[in-house]
Amino acid sequence: MISANYPPPRSIQNLKSKIQNSMPSKTPSNHSLTAFVAAGAIGLTLINPAIAQYPAVTPPLQMAQSSSLTGNWRLANMTLPGSPMPMLPSTDLTADFANGRVSGSGGCNRFNGSYKTTGNQQLSIGPLATTYKACEEGVMTQEANYLKALQAAQRYEVNKDGLQIFYTTDQGTGVLRFVSQDVRGLW
């Protein structure tokens, strides 16, 4: 049974506010809107009492964090020597590091190889082997730059923002910035 002494849950108040803000100027009175929203909440309560638990608190999604290079990473951006390189929107460049092996996608082809870390987060990667599939010219250029940068890795850092791999090629230095694909949820 619902008691009239308790204020409506915050989610109902937020819903009411969103409905009021999205309706045209000829809207029902505040009281009729409150009754409409409350009736919906009562209906949900009668159908599934678990939905109406007060207060509803959703724990935040947490990203797996560690100072270890080991994990599944997705490239967020890459700087070429002297300038940032915009990522092509239709590509997914990844790197999965585990047990001295690295594998992933260059956006078109899969790659794999070895990696080695030493003190002070020094990193060497390669040589890398790739599949040999042809894609659009822009995707192939981006992939070639990515694989060249990976094999020119010098050091890495892992922090709350993700993984950064610093590299040096004959054209200069740059950074590969990755975000974690390892999501730890509550399931």
C-alpha atoms as a PDB file:
ATOM      1  CA  MET A   1       0.000   0.000   0.000  1.00  0.00           C
ATOM      2  CA  ILE A   2       1.294   3.474  -0.851  1.00  0.00           C
ATOM      3  CA  SER A   3       1.208   6.103   1.859  1.00  0.00           C
ATOM      4  CA  ALA A   4       0.520   9.747   0.983  1.00  0.00           C
ATOM      5  CA  ASN A   5       2.997  10.903   3.649  1.00  0.00           C
ATOM      6  CA  TYR A   6       6.114  10.124   1.597  1.00  0.00           C
ATOM      7  CA  PRO A   7       7.322  12.416  -1.193  1.00  0.00           C
ATOM      8  CA  PRO A   8       7.534  10.795  -4.644  1.00  0.00           C
ATOM      9  CA  PRO A   9      10.904   9.244  -5.457  1.00  0.00           C
ATOM     10  CA  ARG A  10      13.422  11.567  -7.121  1.00  0.00           C
ATOM     11  CA  SER A  11      13.133   9.646 -10.409  1.00  0.00           C
ATOM     12  CA  ILE A  12       9.425  10.557 -10.589  1.00  0.00           C
ATOM     13  CA  GLN A  13      10.218  14.196  -9.852  1.00  0.00           C
ATOM     14  CA  ASN A  14      12.853  14.177 -12.620  1.00  0.00           C
ATOM     15  CA  LEU A  15      10.415  12.532 -15.037  1.00  0.00           C
ATOM     16  CA  LYS A  16       7.773  15.124 -14.225  1.00  0.00           C
ATOM     17  CA  SER A  17      10.245  17.938 -14.877  1.00  0.00           C
ATOM     18  CA  LYS A  18      11.339  16.439 -18.214  1.00  0.00           C
ATOM     19  CA  ILE A  19       7.728  16.006 -19.329  1.00  0.00           C
ATOM     20  CA  GLN A  20       6.863  19.584 -18.356  1.00  0.00           C
ATOM     21  CA  ASN A  21       9.890  20.976 -20.221  1.00  0.00           C
ATOM     22  CA  SER A  22       9.193  19.002 -23.385  1.00  0.00           C
ATOM     23  CA  MET A  23       5.457  19.736 -23.694  1.00  0.00           C
ATOM     24  CA  PRO A  24       4.051  22.611 -25.784  1.00  0.00           C
ATOM     25  CA  SER A  25       2.598  25.642 -24.036  1.00  0.00           C
ATOM     26  CA  LYS A  26      -0.911  24.118 -23.845  1.00  0.00           C
ATOM     27  CA  THR A  27      -0.068  21.553 -21.207  1.00  0.00           C
ATOM     28  CA  PRO A  28      -2.185  20.109 -18.447  1.00  0.00           C
ATOM     29  CA  SER A  29      -2.052  21.824 -15.106  1.00  0.00           C
ATOM     30  CA  ASN A  30       0.722  20.968 -12.691  1.00  0.00           C
ATOM     31  CA  HIS A  31      -1.699  18.920 -10.570  1.00  0.00           C
ATOM     32  CA  SER A  32      -2.965  16.802 -13.475  1.00  0.00           C
ATOM     33  CA  LEU A  33       0.626  16.176 -14.631  1.00  0.00           C
ATOM     34  CA  THR A  34       1.567  15.105 -11.108  1.00  0.00           C
ATOM     35  CA  ALA A  35      -1.390  12.727 -11.053  1.00  0.00           C
ATOM     36  CA  PHE A  36      -0.407  11.343 -14.486  1.00  0.00           C
ATOM     37  CA  VAL A  37       3.219  10.710 -13.447  1.00  0.00           C
ATOM     38  CA  ALA A  38       2.198   9.311 -10.046  1.00  0.00           C
ATOM     39  CA  ALA A  39      -0.344   6.972 -11.679  1.00  0.00           C
ATOM     40  CA  GLY A  40       2.426   5.587 -13.861  1.00  0.00           C
ATOM     41  CA  ALA A  41       4.604   5.012 -10.806  1.00  0.00           C
ATOM     42  CA  ILE A  42       1.751   3.288  -8.976  1.00  0.00           C
ATOM     43  CA  GLY A  43       1.172   1.080 -12.007  1.00  0.00           C
ATOM     44  CA  LEU A  44       4.853   0.118 -12.056  1.00  0.00           C
ATOM     45  CA  THR A  45       4.700  -0.600  -8.334  1.00  0.00           C
ATOM     46  CA  LEU A  46       1.745  -2.916  -8.751  1.00  0.00           C
ATOM     47  CA  ILE A  47       3.347  -4.728 -11.702  1.00  0.00           C
ATOM     48  CA  ASN A  48       6.805  -5.078 -10.182  1.00  0.00           C
ATOM     49  CA  PRO A  49       7.420  -3.877  -6.611  1.00  0.00           C
ATOM     50  CA  ALA A  50      11.196  -4.137  -7.159  1.00  0.00           C
ATOM     51  CA  ILE A  51      11.027  -1.207  -9.590  1.00  0.00           C
ATOM     52  CA  ALA A  52       9.562   1.106  -6.966  1.00  0.00           C
ATOM     53  CA  GLN A  53      12.203   0.634  -4.285  1.00  0.00           C
ATOM     54  CA  TYR A  54      13.002   3.959  -2.684  1.00  0.00           C
ATOM     55  CA  PRO A  55      15.604   5.363  -3.096  1.00  0.00           C
ATOM     56  CA  ALA A  56      16.848   3.847  -6.350  1.00  0.00           C
ATOM     57  CA  VAL A  57      20.635   3.977  -6.355  1.00  0.00           C
ATOM     58  CA  THR A  58      22.617   2.737  -9.341  1.00  0.00           C
ATOM     59  CA  PRO A  59      26.288   2.063  -8.605  1.00  0.00           C
ATOM     60  CA  PRO A  60      28.641   3.659 -11.140  1.00  0.00           C
ATOM     61  CA  LEU A  61      30.297   1.530 -13.802  1.00  0.00           C
ATOM     62  CA  GLN A  62      33.947   1.074 -12.957  1.00  0.00           C
ATOM     63  CA  MET A  63      36.806   0.663 -15.382  1.00  0.00           C
ATOM     64  CA  ALA A  64      39.457  -1.897 -14.645  1.00  0.00           C
ATOM     65  CA  GLN A  65      42.570  -0.008 -13.608  1.00  0.00           C
ATOM     66  CA  SER A  66      46.097  -1.174 -13.105  1.00  0.00           C
ATOM     67  CA  SER A  67      49.592   0.098 -13.791  1.00  0.00           C
ATOM     68  CA  SER A  68      50.161  -3.032 -15.862  1.00  0.00           C
ATOM     69  CA  LEU A  69      50.399  -2.992 -19.630  1.00  0.00           C
ATOM     70  CA  THR A  70      48.513  -6.295 -19.681  1.00  0.00           C
ATOM     71  CA  GLY A  71      44.962  -5.921 -20.988  1.00  0.00           C
ATOM     72  CA  ASN A  72      42.748  -5.119 -23.928  1.00  0.00           C
ATOM     73  CA  TRP A  73      43.154  -1.596 -25.270  1.00  0.00           C
ATOM     74  CA  ARG A  74      41.422   0.476 -27.984  1.00  0.00           C
ATOM     75  CA  LEU A  75      43.315   3.317 -29.656  1.00  0.00           C
ATOM     76  CA  ALA A  76      41.629   6.637 -28.860  1.00  0.00           C
ATOM     77  CA  ASN A  77      44.067   8.871 -30.744  1.00  0.00           C
ATOM     78  CA  MET A  78      47.506   8.959 -32.226  1.00  0.00           C
ATOM     79  CA  THR A  79      49.941  11.807 -32.720  1.00  0.00           C
ATOM     80  CA  LEU A  80      52.296  11.599 -35.630  1.00  0.00           C
ATOM     81  CA  PRO A  81      55.561  13.448 -35.305  1.00  0.00           C
ATOM     82  CA  GLY A  82      54.586  17.098 -35.226  1.00  0.00           C
ATOM     83  CA  SER A  83      50.789  16.827 -35.343  1.00  0.00           C
ATOM     84  CA  PRO A  84      47.775  14.894 -34.073  1.00  0.00           C
ATOM     85  CA  MET A  85      46.201  12.471 -36.521  1.00  0.00           C
ATOM     86  CA  PRO A  86      42.402  12.295 -36.560  1.00  0.00           C
ATOM     87  CA  MET A  87      41.156   8.725 -36.330  1.00  0.00           C
ATOM     88  CA  LEU A  88      38.907   7.447 -39.107  1.00  0.00           C
ATOM     89  CA  PRO A  89      35.446   6.934 -37.578  1.00  0.00           C
ATOM     90  CA  SER A  90      34.792   3.546 -39.191  1.00  0.00           C
ATOM     91  CA  THR A  91      37.907   1.847 -37.823  1.00  0.00           C
ATOM     92  CA  ASP A  92      38.665   0.120 -34.548  1.00  0.00           C
ATOM     93  CA  LEU A  93      42.373  -0.083 -33.745  1.00  0.00           C
ATOM     94  CA  THR A  94      43.192  -2.328 -30.802  1.00  0.00           C
ATOM     95  CA  ALA A  95      46.094  -3.895 -28.919  1.00  0.00           C
ATOM     96  CA  ASP A  96      45.830  -6.811 -26.502  1.00  0.00           C
ATOM     97  CA  PHE A  97      48.893  -7.346 -24.297  1.00  0.00           C
ATOM     98  CA  ALA A  98      49.392 -10.601 -22.355  1.00  0.00           C
ATOM     99  CA  ASN A  99      52.303 -12.875 -21.461  1.00  0.00           C
ATOM    100  CA  GLY A 100      54.843 -11.197 -23.741  1.00  0.00           C
ATOM    101  CA  ARG A 101      52.504 -11.338 -26.764  1.00  0.00           C
ATOM    102  CA  VAL A 102      50.597  -8.520 -28.416  1.00  0.00           C
ATOM    103  CA  SER A 103      47.768  -8.899 -30.913  1.00  0.00           C
ATOM    104  CA  GLY A 104      45.004  -6.721 -32.230  1.00  0.00           C
ATOM    105  CA  SER A 105      43.514  -4.924 -35.182  1.00  0.00           C
ATOM    106  CA  GLY A 106      45.050  -2.186 -37.283  1.00  0.00           C
ATOM    107  CA  GLY A 107      41.631  -1.158 -38.565  1.00  0.00           C
ATOM    108  CA  CYS A 108      41.768  -3.500 -41.556  1.00  0.00           C
ATOM    109  CA  ASN A 109      44.164  -6.337 -40.773  1.00  0.00           C
ATOM    110  CA  ARG A 110      44.882  -8.365 -37.643  1.00  0.00           C
ATOM    111  CA  PHE A 111      48.408  -8.357 -36.234  1.00  0.00           C
ATOM    112  CA  ASN A 112      50.402 -10.232 -33.624  1.00  0.00           C
ATOM    113  CA  GLY A 113      53.928 -10.347 -32.292  1.00  0.00           C
ATOM    114  CA  SER A 114      55.961 -10.139 -29.141  1.00  0.00           C
ATOM    115  CA  TYR A 115      56.663  -7.385 -26.677  1.00  0.00           C
ATOM    116  CA  LYS A 116      59.115  -6.904 -23.852  1.00  0.00           C
ATOM    117  CA  THR A 117      59.036  -4.539 -20.874  1.00  0.00           C
ATOM    118  CA  THR A 118      62.000  -3.595 -18.715  1.00  0.00           C
ATOM    119  CA  GLY A 119      62.525  -1.306 -15.729  1.00  0.00           C
ATOM    120  CA  ASN A 120      61.177   2.257 -15.790  1.00  0.00           C
ATOM    121  CA  GLN A 121      58.344   1.190 -18.115  1.00  0.00           C
ATOM    122  CA  GLN A 122      60.601   0.706 -21.127  1.00  0.00           C
ATOM    123  CA  LEU A 123      58.814  -1.103 -23.957  1.00  0.00           C
ATOM    124  CA  SER A 124      59.830  -2.793 -27.176  1.00  0.00           C
ATOM    125  CA  ILE A 125      57.307  -4.334 -29.584  1.00  0.00           C
ATOM    126  CA  GLY A 126      57.837  -6.532 -32.606  1.00  0.00           C
ATOM    127  CA  PRO A 127      58.427  -7.597 -35.131  1.00  0.00           C
ATOM    128  CA  LEU A 128      54.717  -7.747 -35.927  1.00  0.00           C
ATOM    129  CA  ALA A 129      53.091 -10.129 -38.407  1.00  0.00           C
ATOM    130  CA  THR A 130      49.851  -9.080 -40.099  1.00  0.00           C
ATOM    131  CA  THR A 131      47.157 -10.545 -42.269  1.00  0.00           C
ATOM    132  CA  TYR A 132      47.178  -9.204 -45.804  1.00  0.00           C
ATOM    133  CA  LYS A 133      43.735  -7.820 -46.590  1.00  0.00           C
ATOM    134  CA  ALA A 134      43.241  -4.740 -48.751  1.00  0.00           C
ATOM    135  CA  CYS A 135      41.041  -1.897 -47.536  1.00  0.00           C
ATOM    136  CA  GLU A 136      40.366   1.704 -48.530  1.00  0.00           C
ATOM    137  CA  GLU A 137      43.486   3.819 -48.982  1.00  0.00           C
ATOM    138  CA  GLY A 138      42.825   6.017 -45.906  1.00  0.00           C
ATOM    139  CA  VAL A 139      42.341   2.956 -43.675  1.00  0.00           C
ATOM    140  CA  MET A 140      45.530   1.355 -45.025  1.00  0.00           C
ATOM    141  CA  THR A 141      47.526   4.556 -44.409  1.00  0.00           C
ATOM    142  CA  GLN A 142      46.213   4.842 -40.854  1.00  0.00           C
ATOM    143  CA  GLU A 143      47.017   1.163 -40.215  1.00  0.00           C
ATOM    144  CA  ALA A 144      50.559   1.516 -41.586  1.00  0.00           C
ATOM    145  CA  ASN A 145      51.178   4.539 -39.320  1.00  0.00           C
ATOM    146  CA  TYR A 146      49.754   2.664 -36.316  1.00  0.00           C
ATOM    147  CA  LEU A 147      51.827  -0.487 -36.845  1.00  0.00           C
ATOM    148  CA  LYS A 148      54.984   1.548 -37.511  1.00  0.00           C
ATOM    149  CA  ALA A 149      54.388   3.496 -34.277  1.00  0.00           C
ATOM    150  CA  LEU A 150      53.798   0.301 -32.261  1.00  0.00           C
ATOM    151  CA  GLN A 151      57.057  -1.215 -33.506  1.00  0.00           C
ATOM    152  CA  ALA A 152      58.886   2.013 -32.624  1.00  0.00           C
ATOM    153  CA  ALA A 153      57.678   1.969 -28.998  1.00  0.00           C
ATOM    154  CA  GLN A 154      60.161   3.259 -26.420  1.00  0.00           C
ATOM    155  CA  ARG A 155      58.185   3.437 -23.184  1.00  0.00           C
ATOM    156  CA  TYR A 156      54.643   3.341 -21.794  1.00  0.00           C
ATOM    157  CA  GLU A 157      52.535   4.784 -18.998  1.00  0.00           C
ATOM    158  CA  VAL A 158      49.265   3.502 -17.554  1.00  0.00           C
ATOM    159  CA  ASN A 159      47.117   5.886 -15.510  1.00  0.00           C
ATOM    160  CA  LYS A 160      43.468   6.764 -14.900  1.00  0.00           C
ATOM    161  CA  ASP A 161      43.168   8.025 -18.483  1.00  0.00           C
ATOM    162  CA  GLY A 162      44.415   4.771 -20.021  1.00  0.00           C
ATOM    163  CA  LEU A 163      47.585   3.611 -21.731  1.00  0.00           C
ATOM    164  CA  GLN A 164      50.040   5.896 -23.508  1.00  0.00           C
ATOM    165  CA  ILE A 165      52.796   4.432 -25.670  1.00  0.00           C
ATOM    166  CA  PHE A 166      55.567   6.865 -26.565  1.00  0.00           C
ATOM    167  CA  TYR A 167      57.401   6.063 -29.778  1.00  0.00           C
ATOM    168  CA  THR A 168      60.233   7.371 -31.930  1.00  0.00           C
ATOM    169  CA  THR A 169      60.524   6.846 -35.685  1.00  0.00           C
ATOM    170  CA  ASP A 170      62.906   8.338 -38.235  1.00  0.00           C
ATOM    171  CA  GLN A 171      60.306  11.154 -38.688  1.00  0.00           C
ATOM    172  CA  GLY A 172      60.241  12.058 -34.982  1.00  0.00           C
ATOM    173  CA  THR A 173      58.360  11.196 -31.783  1.00  0.00           C
ATOM    174  CA  GLY A 174      54.680  10.630 -31.100  1.00  0.00           C
ATOM    175  CA  VAL A 175      52.178   9.123 -28.668  1.00  0.00           C
ATOM    176  CA  LEU A 176      49.556   6.392 -29.005  1.00  0.00           C
ATOM    177  CA  ARG A 177      46.718   6.923 -26.497  1.00  0.00           C
ATOM    178  CA  PHE A 178      44.534   3.940 -25.637  1.00  0.00           C
ATOM    179  CA  VAL A 179      41.466   3.417 -23.463  1.00  0.00           C
ATOM    180  CA  SER A 180      40.793   0.161 -21.661  1.00  0.00           C
ATOM    181  CA  GLN A 181      38.380  -2.346 -23.143  1.00  0.00           C
ATOM    182  CA  ASP A 182      38.398  -4.290 -19.847  1.00  0.00           C
ATOM    183  CA  VAL A 183      35.211  -3.186 -18.096  1.00  0.00           C
ATOM    184  CA  ARG A 184      34.469  -4.529 -14.636  1.00  0.00           C
ATOM    185  CA  GLY A 185      30.782  -4.404 -13.907  1.00  0.00           C
ATOM    186  CA  LEU A 186      28.553  -5.820 -11.234  1.00  0.00           C
ATOM    187  CA  TRP A 187      27.523  -8.922 -13.119  1.00  0.00           C
END
